[in-house]
Amino acid sequence: GIDGIALTKLDVLDGLSEIKICVAYDI
């Protein structure tokens, strides 16, 4: 029942040329 998120540690991704997000699974 989460209404909103607090997104943390965005700075850890600094300097990466490419970033991925998992959007689904293949099973």
mmCIF file of all heavy atoms, coordinates in Angstrom:
data_MODEL
# 
_entry.id   MODEL 
# 
loop_
_atom_site.group_PDB 
_atom_site.id 
_atom_site.type_symbol 
_atom_site.label_atom_id 
_atom_site.label_alt_id 
_atom_site.label_comp_id 
_atom_site.label_asym_id 
_atom_site.label_entity_id 
_atom_site.label_seq_id 
_atom_site.pdbx_PDB_ins_code 
_atom_site.Cartn_x 
_atom_site.Cartn_y 
_atom_site.Cartn_z 
_atom_site.occupancy 
_atom_site.B_iso_or_equiv 
_atom_site.pdbx_formal_charge 
_atom_site.auth_seq_id 
_atom_site.auth_comp_id 
_atom_site.auth_asym_id 
_atom_site.auth_atom_id 
_atom_site.pdbx_PDB_model_num 
ATOM 1   N N   . GLY A 1 1  ? 0.800  -1.222  0.000   1.00 0.00 ? 1  GLY A N   1 
ATOM 2   C CA  . GLY A 1 1  ? 0.000  0.000   0.000   1.00 0.00 ? 1  GLY A CA  1 
ATOM 3   C C   . GLY A 1 1  ? 0.828  1.264   0.000   1.00 0.00 ? 1  GLY A C   1 
ATOM 4   O O   . GLY A 1 1  ? 0.444  2.282   0.588   1.00 0.00 ? 1  GLY A O   1 
ATOM 5   N N   . ILE A 1 2  ? 1.971  1.222   -0.689  1.00 0.00 ? 2  ILE A N   1 
ATOM 6   C CA  . ILE A 1 2  ? 2.895  2.354   -0.697  1.00 0.00 ? 2  ILE A CA  1 
ATOM 7   C C   . ILE A 1 2  ? 2.340  3.486   -1.568  1.00 0.00 ? 2  ILE A C   1 
ATOM 8   O O   . ILE A 1 2  ? 1.974  3.274   -2.713  1.00 0.00 ? 2  ILE A O   1 
ATOM 9   C CB  . ILE A 1 2  ? 4.281  1.900   -1.196  1.00 0.00 ? 2  ILE A CB  1 
ATOM 10  C CG1 . ILE A 1 2  ? 4.908  0.940   -0.167  1.00 0.00 ? 2  ILE A CG1 1 
ATOM 11  C CG2 . ILE A 1 2  ? 5.200  3.087   -1.458  1.00 0.00 ? 2  ILE A CG2 1 
ATOM 12  C CD1 . ILE A 1 2  ? 6.171  0.261   -0.648  1.00 0.00 ? 2  ILE A CD1 1 
ATOM 13  N N   . ASP A 1 3  ? 2.291  4.692   -0.985  1.00 0.00 ? 3  ASP A N   1 
ATOM 14  C CA  . ASP A 1 3  ? 1.752  5.855   -1.693  1.00 0.00 ? 3  ASP A CA  1 
ATOM 15  C C   . ASP A 1 3  ? 2.799  6.571   -2.534  1.00 0.00 ? 3  ASP A C   1 
ATOM 16  O O   . ASP A 1 3  ? 2.484  7.156   -3.568  1.00 0.00 ? 3  ASP A O   1 
ATOM 17  C CB  . ASP A 1 3  ? 1.147  6.853   -0.689  1.00 0.00 ? 3  ASP A CB  1 
ATOM 18  C CG  . ASP A 1 3  ? -0.011 6.255   0.097   1.00 0.00 ? 3  ASP A CG  1 
ATOM 19  O OD1 . ASP A 1 3  ? -1.025 5.891   -0.521  1.00 0.00 ? 3  ASP A OD1 1 
ATOM 20  O OD2 . ASP A 1 3  ? 0.095  6.146   1.338   1.00 0.00 ? 3  ASP A OD2 1 
ATOM 21  N N   . GLY A 1 4  ? 4.020  6.559   -2.078  1.00 0.00 ? 4  GLY A N   1 
ATOM 22  C CA  . GLY A 1 4  ? 5.110  7.213   -2.791  1.00 0.00 ? 4  GLY A CA  1 
ATOM 23  C C   . GLY A 1 4  ? 6.424  6.637   -2.319  1.00 0.00 ? 4  GLY A C   1 
ATOM 24  O O   . GLY A 1 4  ? 6.512  6.014   -1.261  1.00 0.00 ? 4  GLY A O   1 
ATOM 25  N N   . ILE A 1 5  ? 7.472  6.821   -3.134  1.00 0.00 ? 5  ILE A N   1 
ATOM 26  C CA  . ILE A 1 5  ? 8.766  6.259   -2.769  1.00 0.00 ? 5  ILE A CA  1 
ATOM 27  C C   . ILE A 1 5  ? 9.787  7.354   -2.516  1.00 0.00 ? 5  ILE A C   1 
ATOM 28  O O   . ILE A 1 5  ? 9.723  8.441   -3.101  1.00 0.00 ? 5  ILE A O   1 
ATOM 29  C CB  . ILE A 1 5  ? 9.292  5.262   -3.829  1.00 0.00 ? 5  ILE A CB  1 
ATOM 30  C CG1 . ILE A 1 5  ? 9.542  5.948   -5.170  1.00 0.00 ? 5  ILE A CG1 1 
ATOM 31  C CG2 . ILE A 1 5  ? 8.335  4.100   -3.993  1.00 0.00 ? 5  ILE A CG2 1 
ATOM 32  C CD1 . ILE A 1 5  ? 10.216 5.014   -6.199  1.00 0.00 ? 5  ILE A CD1 1 
ATOM 33  N N   . ALA A 1 6  ? 10.706 7.049   -1.618  1.00 0.00 ? 6  ALA A N   1 
ATOM 34  C CA  . ALA A 1 6  ? 11.887 7.871   -1.400  1.00 0.00 ? 6  ALA A CA  1 
ATOM 35  C C   . ALA A 1 6  ? 13.039 7.138   -2.071  1.00 0.00 ? 6  ALA A C   1 
ATOM 36  O O   . ALA A 1 6  ? 13.429 6.050   -1.636  1.00 0.00 ? 6  ALA A O   1 
ATOM 37  C CB  . ALA A 1 6  ? 12.157 8.062   0.084   1.00 0.00 ? 6  ALA A CB  1 
ATOM 38  N N   . LEU A 1 7  ? 13.551 7.691   -3.144  1.00 0.00 ? 7  LEU A N   1 
ATOM 39  C CA  . LEU A 1 7  ? 14.607 7.034   -3.926  1.00 0.00 ? 7  LEU A CA  1 
ATOM 40  C C   . LEU A 1 7  ? 15.965 7.446   -3.369  1.00 0.00 ? 7  LEU A C   1 
ATOM 41  O O   . LEU A 1 7  ? 16.281 8.630   -3.289  1.00 0.00 ? 7  LEU A O   1 
ATOM 42  C CB  . LEU A 1 7  ? 14.481 7.407   -5.402  1.00 0.00 ? 7  LEU A CB  1 
ATOM 43  C CG  . LEU A 1 7  ? 15.301 6.565   -6.388  1.00 0.00 ? 7  LEU A CG  1 
ATOM 44  C CD1 . LEU A 1 7  ? 14.793 5.124   -6.431  1.00 0.00 ? 7  LEU A CD1 1 
ATOM 45  C CD2 . LEU A 1 7  ? 15.252 7.179   -7.785  1.00 0.00 ? 7  LEU A CD2 1 
ATOM 46  N N   . THR A 1 8  ? 16.767 6.458   -2.993  1.00 0.00 ? 8  THR A N   1 
ATOM 47  C CA  . THR A 1 8  ? 18.047 6.721   -2.343  1.00 0.00 ? 8  THR A CA  1 
ATOM 48  C C   . THR A 1 8  ? 19.220 6.257   -3.204  1.00 0.00 ? 8  THR A C   1 
ATOM 49  O O   . THR A 1 8  ? 19.071 5.457   -4.126  1.00 0.00 ? 8  THR A O   1 
ATOM 50  C CB  . THR A 1 8  ? 18.128 6.009   -0.976  1.00 0.00 ? 8  THR A CB  1 
ATOM 51  O OG1 . THR A 1 8  ? 18.107 4.587   -1.178  1.00 0.00 ? 8  THR A OG1 1 
ATOM 52  C CG2 . THR A 1 8  ? 16.949 6.396   -0.087  1.00 0.00 ? 8  THR A CG2 1 
ATOM 53  N N   . LYS A 1 9  ? 20.390 6.793   -2.889  1.00 0.00 ? 9  LYS A N   1 
ATOM 54  C CA  . LYS A 1 9  ? 21.678 6.377   -3.469  1.00 0.00 ? 9  LYS A CA  1 
ATOM 55  C C   . LYS A 1 9  ? 21.737 6.523   -4.990  1.00 0.00 ? 9  LYS A C   1 
ATOM 56  O O   . LYS A 1 9  ? 22.424 5.737   -5.671  1.00 0.00 ? 9  LYS A O   1 
ATOM 57  C CB  . LYS A 1 9  ? 22.020 4.944   -3.048  1.00 0.00 ? 9  LYS A CB  1 
ATOM 58  C CG  . LYS A 1 9  ? 22.293 4.818   -1.550  1.00 0.00 ? 9  LYS A CG  1 
ATOM 59  C CD  . LYS A 1 9  ? 22.994 3.527   -1.217  1.00 0.00 ? 9  LYS A CD  1 
ATOM 60  C CE  . LYS A 1 9  ? 23.487 3.511   0.218   1.00 0.00 ? 9  LYS A CE  1 
ATOM 61  N NZ  . LYS A 1 9  ? 24.281 2.311   0.552   1.00 0.00 ? 9  LYS A NZ  1 
ATOM 62  N N   . LEU A 1 10 ? 21.058 7.526   -5.527  1.00 0.00 ? 10 LEU A N   1 
ATOM 63  C CA  . LEU A 1 10 ? 21.168 7.790   -6.958  1.00 0.00 ? 10 LEU A CA  1 
ATOM 64  C C   . LEU A 1 10 ? 22.615 8.068   -7.345  1.00 0.00 ? 10 LEU A C   1 
ATOM 65  O O   . LEU A 1 10 ? 23.060 7.677   -8.436  1.00 0.00 ? 10 LEU A O   1 
ATOM 66  C CB  . LEU A 1 10 ? 20.274 8.976   -7.345  1.00 0.00 ? 10 LEU A CB  1 
ATOM 67  C CG  . LEU A 1 10 ? 20.246 9.364   -8.816  1.00 0.00 ? 10 LEU A CG  1 
ATOM 68  C CD1 . LEU A 1 10 ? 19.578 8.274   -9.656  1.00 0.00 ? 10 LEU A CD1 1 
ATOM 69  C CD2 . LEU A 1 10 ? 19.547 10.709  -9.019  1.00 0.00 ? 10 LEU A CD2 1 
ATOM 70  N N   . ASP A 1 11 ? 23.365 8.702   -6.459  1.00 0.00 ? 11 ASP A N   1 
ATOM 71  C CA  . ASP A 1 11 ? 24.743 9.089   -6.748  1.00 0.00 ? 11 ASP A CA  1 
ATOM 72  C C   . ASP A 1 11 ? 25.661 7.897   -6.988  1.00 0.00 ? 11 ASP A C   1 
ATOM 73  O O   . ASP A 1 11 ? 26.706 8.039   -7.646  1.00 0.00 ? 11 ASP A O   1 
ATOM 74  C CB  . ASP A 1 11 ? 25.303 9.944   -5.610  1.00 0.00 ? 11 ASP A CB  1 
ATOM 75  C CG  . ASP A 1 11 ? 25.223 9.246   -4.262  1.00 0.00 ? 11 ASP A CG  1 
ATOM 76  O OD1 . ASP A 1 11 ? 24.107 9.115   -3.728  1.00 0.00 ? 11 ASP A OD1 1 
ATOM 77  O OD2 . ASP A 1 11 ? 26.284 8.833   -3.742  1.00 0.00 ? 11 ASP A OD2 1 
ATOM 78  N N   . VAL A 1 12 ? 25.303 6.706   -6.485  1.00 0.00 ? 12 VAL A N   1 
ATOM 79  C CA  . VAL A 1 12 ? 26.127 5.520   -6.681  1.00 0.00 ? 12 VAL A CA  1 
ATOM 80  C C   . VAL A 1 12 ? 26.210 5.138   -8.160  1.00 0.00 ? 12 VAL A C   1 
ATOM 81  O O   . VAL A 1 12 ? 27.175 4.532   -8.613  1.00 0.00 ? 12 VAL A O   1 
ATOM 82  C CB  . VAL A 1 12 ? 25.585 4.346   -5.830  1.00 0.00 ? 12 VAL A CB  1 
ATOM 83  C CG1 . VAL A 1 12 ? 26.341 3.046   -6.103  1.00 0.00 ? 12 VAL A CG1 1 
ATOM 84  C CG2 . VAL A 1 12 ? 25.677 4.698   -4.345  1.00 0.00 ? 12 VAL A CG2 1 
ATOM 85  N N   . LEU A 1 13 ? 25.206 5.547   -8.932  1.00 0.00 ? 13 LEU A N   1 
ATOM 86  C CA  . LEU A 1 13 ? 25.175 5.233   -10.361 1.00 0.00 ? 13 LEU A CA  1 
ATOM 87  C C   . LEU A 1 13 ? 25.968 6.229   -11.198 1.00 0.00 ? 13 LEU A C   1 
ATOM 88  O O   . LEU A 1 13 ? 26.110 6.027   -12.416 1.00 0.00 ? 13 LEU A O   1 
ATOM 89  C CB  . LEU A 1 13 ? 23.723 5.197   -10.858 1.00 0.00 ? 13 LEU A CB  1 
ATOM 90  C CG  . LEU A 1 13 ? 22.798 4.169   -10.164 1.00 0.00 ? 13 LEU A CG  1 
ATOM 91  C CD1 . LEU A 1 13 ? 21.383 4.282   -10.707 1.00 0.00 ? 13 LEU A CD1 1 
ATOM 92  C CD2 . LEU A 1 13 ? 23.327 2.755   -10.329 1.00 0.00 ? 13 LEU A CD2 1 
ATOM 93  N N   . ASP A 1 14 ? 26.475 7.290   -10.574 1.00 0.00 ? 14 ASP A N   1 
ATOM 94  C CA  . ASP A 1 14 ? 27.261 8.285   -11.315 1.00 0.00 ? 14 ASP A CA  1 
ATOM 95  C C   . ASP A 1 14 ? 28.444 7.622   -12.029 1.00 0.00 ? 14 ASP A C   1 
ATOM 96  O O   . ASP A 1 14 ? 29.131 6.759   -11.463 1.00 0.00 ? 14 ASP A O   1 
ATOM 97  C CB  . ASP A 1 14 ? 27.810 9.364   -10.372 1.00 0.00 ? 14 ASP A CB  1 
ATOM 98  C CG  . ASP A 1 14 ? 26.737 10.259  -9.781  1.00 0.00 ? 14 ASP A CG  1 
ATOM 99  O OD1 . ASP A 1 14 ? 25.564 10.155  -10.182 1.00 0.00 ? 14 ASP A OD1 1 
ATOM 100 O OD2 . ASP A 1 14 ? 27.089 11.084  -8.904  1.00 0.00 ? 14 ASP A OD2 1 
ATOM 101 N N   . GLY A 1 15 ? 28.671 8.034   -13.266 1.00 0.00 ? 15 GLY A N   1 
ATOM 102 C CA  . GLY A 1 15 ? 29.844 7.567   -13.993 1.00 0.00 ? 15 GLY A CA  1 
ATOM 103 C C   . GLY A 1 15 ? 29.646 6.308   -14.804 1.00 0.00 ? 15 GLY A C   1 
ATOM 104 O O   . GLY A 1 15 ? 30.557 5.894   -15.539 1.00 0.00 ? 15 GLY A O   1 
ATOM 105 N N   . LEU A 1 16 ? 28.479 5.671   -14.687 1.00 0.00 ? 16 LEU A N   1 
ATOM 106 C CA  . LEU A 1 16 ? 28.208 4.491   -15.497 1.00 0.00 ? 16 LEU A CA  1 
ATOM 107 C C   . LEU A 1 16 ? 27.728 4.931   -16.880 1.00 0.00 ? 16 LEU A C   1 
ATOM 108 O O   . LEU A 1 16 ? 26.841 5.764   -17.002 1.00 0.00 ? 16 LEU A O   1 
ATOM 109 C CB  . LEU A 1 16 ? 27.143 3.609   -14.836 1.00 0.00 ? 16 LEU A CB  1 
ATOM 110 C CG  . LEU A 1 16 ? 27.560 2.880   -13.545 1.00 0.00 ? 16 LEU A CG  1 
ATOM 111 C CD1 . LEU A 1 16 ? 26.346 2.204   -12.902 1.00 0.00 ? 16 LEU A CD1 1 
ATOM 112 C CD2 . LEU A 1 16 ? 28.649 1.854   -13.836 1.00 0.00 ? 16 LEU A CD2 1 
ATOM 113 N N   . SER A 1 17 ? 28.319 4.368   -17.905 1.00 0.00 ? 17 SER A N   1 
ATOM 114 C CA  . SER A 1 17 ? 27.926 4.754   -19.263 1.00 0.00 ? 17 SER A CA  1 
ATOM 115 C C   . SER A 1 17 ? 26.575 4.171   -19.652 1.00 0.00 ? 17 SER A C   1 
ATOM 116 O O   . SER A 1 17 ? 25.869 4.720   -20.496 1.00 0.00 ? 17 SER A O   1 
ATOM 117 C CB  . SER A 1 17 ? 28.985 4.297   -20.270 1.00 0.00 ? 17 SER A CB  1 
ATOM 118 O OG  . SER A 1 17 ? 29.155 2.881   -20.208 1.00 0.00 ? 17 SER A OG  1 
ATOM 119 N N   . GLU A 1 18 ? 26.212 3.072   -19.011 1.00 0.00 ? 18 GLU A N   1 
ATOM 120 C CA  . GLU A 1 18 ? 24.971 2.375   -19.342 1.00 0.00 ? 18 GLU A CA  1 
ATOM 121 C C   . GLU A 1 18 ? 24.344 1.850   -18.056 1.00 0.00 ? 18 GLU A C   1 
ATOM 122 O O   . GLU A 1 18 ? 25.019 1.319   -17.191 1.00 0.00 ? 18 GLU A O   1 
ATOM 123 C CB  . GLU A 1 18 ? 25.286 1.223   -20.300 1.00 0.00 ? 18 GLU A CB  1 
ATOM 124 C CG  . GLU A 1 18 ? 24.194 0.438   -20.800 1.00 0.00 ? 18 GLU A CG  1 
ATOM 125 C CD  . GLU A 1 18 ? 24.614 -0.635  -21.791 1.00 0.00 ? 18 GLU A CD  1 
ATOM 126 O OE1 . GLU A 1 18 ? 24.721 -0.328  -22.983 1.00 0.00 ? 18 GLU A OE1 1 
ATOM 127 O OE2 . GLU A 1 18 ? 24.840 -1.789  -21.354 1.00 0.00 ? 18 GLU A OE2 1 
ATOM 128 N N   . ILE A 1 19 ? 23.029 2.022   -17.931 1.00 0.00 ? 19 ILE A N   1 
ATOM 129 C CA  . ILE A 1 19 ? 22.289 1.581   -16.749 1.00 0.00 ? 19 ILE A CA  1 
ATOM 130 C C   . ILE A 1 19 ? 21.094 0.752   -17.202 1.00 0.00 ? 19 ILE A C   1 
ATOM 131 O O   . ILE A 1 19 ? 20.425 1.092   -18.186 1.00 0.00 ? 19 ILE A O   1 
ATOM 132 C CB  . ILE A 1 19 ? 21.814 2.787   -15.906 1.00 0.00 ? 19 ILE A CB  1 
ATOM 133 C CG1 . ILE A 1 19 ? 23.023 3.605   -15.432 1.00 0.00 ? 19 ILE A CG1 1 
ATOM 134 C CG2 . ILE A 1 19 ? 20.984 2.329   -14.714 1.00 0.00 ? 19 ILE A CG2 1 
ATOM 135 C CD1 . ILE A 1 19 ? 22.645 4.906   -14.754 1.00 0.00 ? 19 ILE A CD1 1 
ATOM 136 N N   . LYS A 1 20 ? 20.831 -0.332  -16.468 1.00 0.00 ? 20 LYS A N   1 
ATOM 137 C CA  . LYS A 1 20 ? 19.727 -1.210  -16.839 1.00 0.00 ? 20 LYS A CA  1 
ATOM 138 C C   . LYS A 1 20 ? 18.667 -1.252  -15.750 1.00 0.00 ? 20 LYS A C   1 
ATOM 139 O O   . LYS A 1 20 ? 18.950 -1.111  -14.566 1.00 0.00 ? 20 LYS A O   1 
ATOM 140 C CB  . LYS A 1 20 ? 20.243 -2.620  -17.123 1.00 0.00 ? 20 LYS A CB  1 
ATOM 141 C CG  . LYS A 1 20 ? 21.177 -2.701  -18.327 1.00 0.00 ? 20 LYS A CG  1 
ATOM 142 C CD  . LYS A 1 20 ? 21.627 -4.124  -18.583 1.00 0.00 ? 20 LYS A CD  1 
ATOM 143 C CE  . LYS A 1 20 ? 22.541 -4.192  -19.804 1.00 0.00 ? 20 LYS A CE  1 
ATOM 144 N NZ  . LYS A 1 20 ? 22.974 -5.584  -20.099 1.00 0.00 ? 20 LYS A NZ  1 
ATOM 145 N N   . ILE A 1 21 ? 17.427 -1.471  -16.180 1.00 0.00 ? 21 ILE A N   1 
ATOM 146 C CA  . ILE A 1 21 ? 16.295 -1.673  -15.284 1.00 0.00 ? 21 ILE A CA  1 
ATOM 147 C C   . ILE A 1 21 ? 15.579 -2.948  -15.710 1.00 0.00 ? 21 ILE A C   1 
ATOM 148 O O   . ILE A 1 21 ? 15.265 -3.120  -16.896 1.00 0.00 ? 21 ILE A O   1 
ATOM 149 C CB  . ILE A 1 21 ? 15.301 -0.492  -15.322 1.00 0.00 ? 21 ILE A CB  1 
ATOM 150 C CG1 . ILE A 1 21 ? 15.948 0.804   -14.822 1.00 0.00 ? 21 ILE A CG1 1 
ATOM 151 C CG2 . ILE A 1 21 ? 14.060 -0.807  -14.476 1.00 0.00 ? 21 ILE A CG2 1 
ATOM 152 C CD1 . ILE A 1 21 ? 15.009 2.011   -14.884 1.00 0.00 ? 21 ILE A CD1 1 
ATOM 153 N N   . CYS A 1 22 ? 15.306 -3.821  -14.742 1.00 0.00 ? 22 CYS A N   1 
ATOM 154 C CA  . CYS A 1 22 ? 14.535 -5.028  -15.027 1.00 0.00 ? 22 CYS A CA  1 
ATOM 155 C C   . CYS A 1 22 ? 13.056 -4.665  -15.108 1.00 0.00 ? 22 CYS A C   1 
ATOM 156 O O   . CYS A 1 22 ? 12.483 -4.103  -14.160 1.00 0.00 ? 22 CYS A O   1 
ATOM 157 C CB  . CYS A 1 22 ? 14.765 -6.078  -13.943 1.00 0.00 ? 22 CYS A CB  1 
ATOM 158 S SG  . CYS A 1 22 ? 13.760 -7.559  -14.113 1.00 0.00 ? 22 CYS A SG  1 
ATOM 159 N N   . VAL A 1 23 ? 12.407 -5.001  -16.239 1.00 0.00 ? 23 VAL A N   1 
ATOM 160 C CA  . VAL A 1 23 ? 11.005 -4.642  -16.451 1.00 0.00 ? 23 VAL A CA  1 
ATOM 161 C C   . VAL A 1 23 ? 10.086 -5.866  -16.476 1.00 0.00 ? 23 VAL A C   1 
ATOM 162 O O   . VAL A 1 23 ? 8.861  -5.731  -16.436 1.00 0.00 ? 23 VAL A O   1 
ATOM 163 C CB  . VAL A 1 23 ? 10.837 -3.836  -17.756 1.00 0.00 ? 23 VAL A CB  1 
ATOM 164 C CG1 . VAL A 1 23 ? 11.581 -2.511  -17.654 1.00 0.00 ? 23 VAL A CG1 1 
ATOM 165 C CG2 . VAL A 1 23 ? 11.321 -4.630  -18.968 1.00 0.00 ? 23 VAL A CG2 1 
ATOM 166 N N   . ALA A 1 24 ? 10.655 -7.051  -16.548 1.00 0.00 ? 24 ALA A N   1 
ATOM 167 C CA  . ALA A 1 24 ? 9.880  -8.295  -16.561 1.00 0.00 ? 24 ALA A CA  1 
ATOM 168 C C   . ALA A 1 24 ? 10.860 -9.454  -16.398 1.00 0.00 ? 24 ALA A C   1 
ATOM 169 O O   . ALA A 1 24 ? 12.085 -9.260  -16.383 1.00 0.00 ? 24 ALA A O   1 
ATOM 170 C CB  . ALA A 1 24 ? 9.074  -8.443  -17.853 1.00 0.00 ? 24 ALA A CB  1 
ATOM 171 N N   . TYR A 1 25 ? 10.304 -10.673 -16.270 1.00 0.00 ? 25 TYR A N   1 
ATOM 172 C CA  . TYR A 1 25 ? 11.142 -11.864 -16.188 1.00 0.00 ? 25 TYR A CA  1 
ATOM 173 C C   . TYR A 1 25 ? 10.789 -12.837 -17.311 1.00 0.00 ? 25 TYR A C   1 
ATOM 174 O O   . TYR A 1 25 ? 9.635  -12.904 -17.757 1.00 0.00 ? 25 TYR A O   1 
ATOM 175 C CB  . TYR A 1 25 ? 10.944 -12.604 -14.858 1.00 0.00 ? 25 TYR A CB  1 
ATOM 176 C CG  . TYR A 1 25 ? 11.155 -11.767 -13.629 1.00 0.00 ? 25 TYR A CG  1 
ATOM 177 C CD1 . TYR A 1 25 ? 10.137 -11.633 -12.681 1.00 0.00 ? 25 TYR A CD1 1 
ATOM 178 C CD2 . TYR A 1 25 ? 12.357 -11.124 -13.387 1.00 0.00 ? 25 TYR A CD2 1 
ATOM 179 C CE1 . TYR A 1 25 ? 10.314 -10.894 -11.541 1.00 0.00 ? 25 TYR A CE1 1 
ATOM 180 C CE2 . TYR A 1 25 ? 12.560 -10.369 -12.245 1.00 0.00 ? 25 TYR A CE2 1 
ATOM 181 C CZ  . TYR A 1 25 ? 11.524 -10.252 -11.331 1.00 0.00 ? 25 TYR A CZ  1 
ATOM 182 O OH  . TYR A 1 25 ? 11.710 -9.511  -10.201 1.00 0.00 ? 25 TYR A OH  1 
ATOM 183 N N   . ASP A 1 26 ? 11.777 -13.579 -17.704 1.00 0.00 ? 26 ASP A N   1 
ATOM 184 C CA  . ASP A 1 26 ? 11.565 -14.727 -18.582 1.00 0.00 ? 26 ASP A CA  1 
ATOM 185 C C   . ASP A 1 26 ? 11.744 -15.981 -17.735 1.00 0.00 ? 26 ASP A C   1 
ATOM 186 O O   . ASP A 1 26 ? 12.818 -16.222 -17.180 1.00 0.00 ? 26 ASP A O   1 
ATOM 187 C CB  . ASP A 1 26 ? 12.562 -14.724 -19.736 1.00 0.00 ? 26 ASP A CB  1 
ATOM 188 C CG  . ASP A 1 26 ? 12.348 -15.902 -20.693 1.00 0.00 ? 26 ASP A CG  1 
ATOM 189 O OD1 . ASP A 1 26 ? 12.547 -17.052 -20.282 1.00 0.00 ? 26 ASP A OD1 1 
ATOM 190 O OD2 . ASP A 1 26 ? 11.992 -15.661 -21.840 1.00 0.00 ? 26 ASP A OD2 1 
ATOM 191 N N   . ILE A 1 27 ? 10.677 -16.781 -17.632 1.00 0.00 ? 27 ILE A N   1 
ATOM 192 C CA  . ILE A 1 27 ? 10.734 -18.042 -16.894 1.00 0.00 ? 27 ILE A CA  1 
ATOM 193 C C   . ILE A 1 27 ? 10.261 -19.145 -17.827 1.00 0.00 ? 27 ILE A C   1 
ATOM 194 O O   . ILE A 1 27 ? 9.089  -19.204 -18.199 1.00 0.00 ? 27 ILE A O   1 
ATOM 195 C CB  . ILE A 1 27 ? 9.871  -18.008 -15.614 1.00 0.00 ? 27 ILE A CB  1 
ATOM 196 C CG1 . ILE A 1 27 ? 10.258 -16.824 -14.716 1.00 0.00 ? 27 ILE A CG1 1 
ATOM 197 C CG2 . ILE A 1 27 ? 10.010 -19.328 -14.854 1.00 0.00 ? 27 ILE A CG2 1 
ATOM 198 C CD1 . ILE A 1 27 ? 9.401  -16.683 -13.465 1.00 0.00 ? 27 ILE A CD1 1 
# 
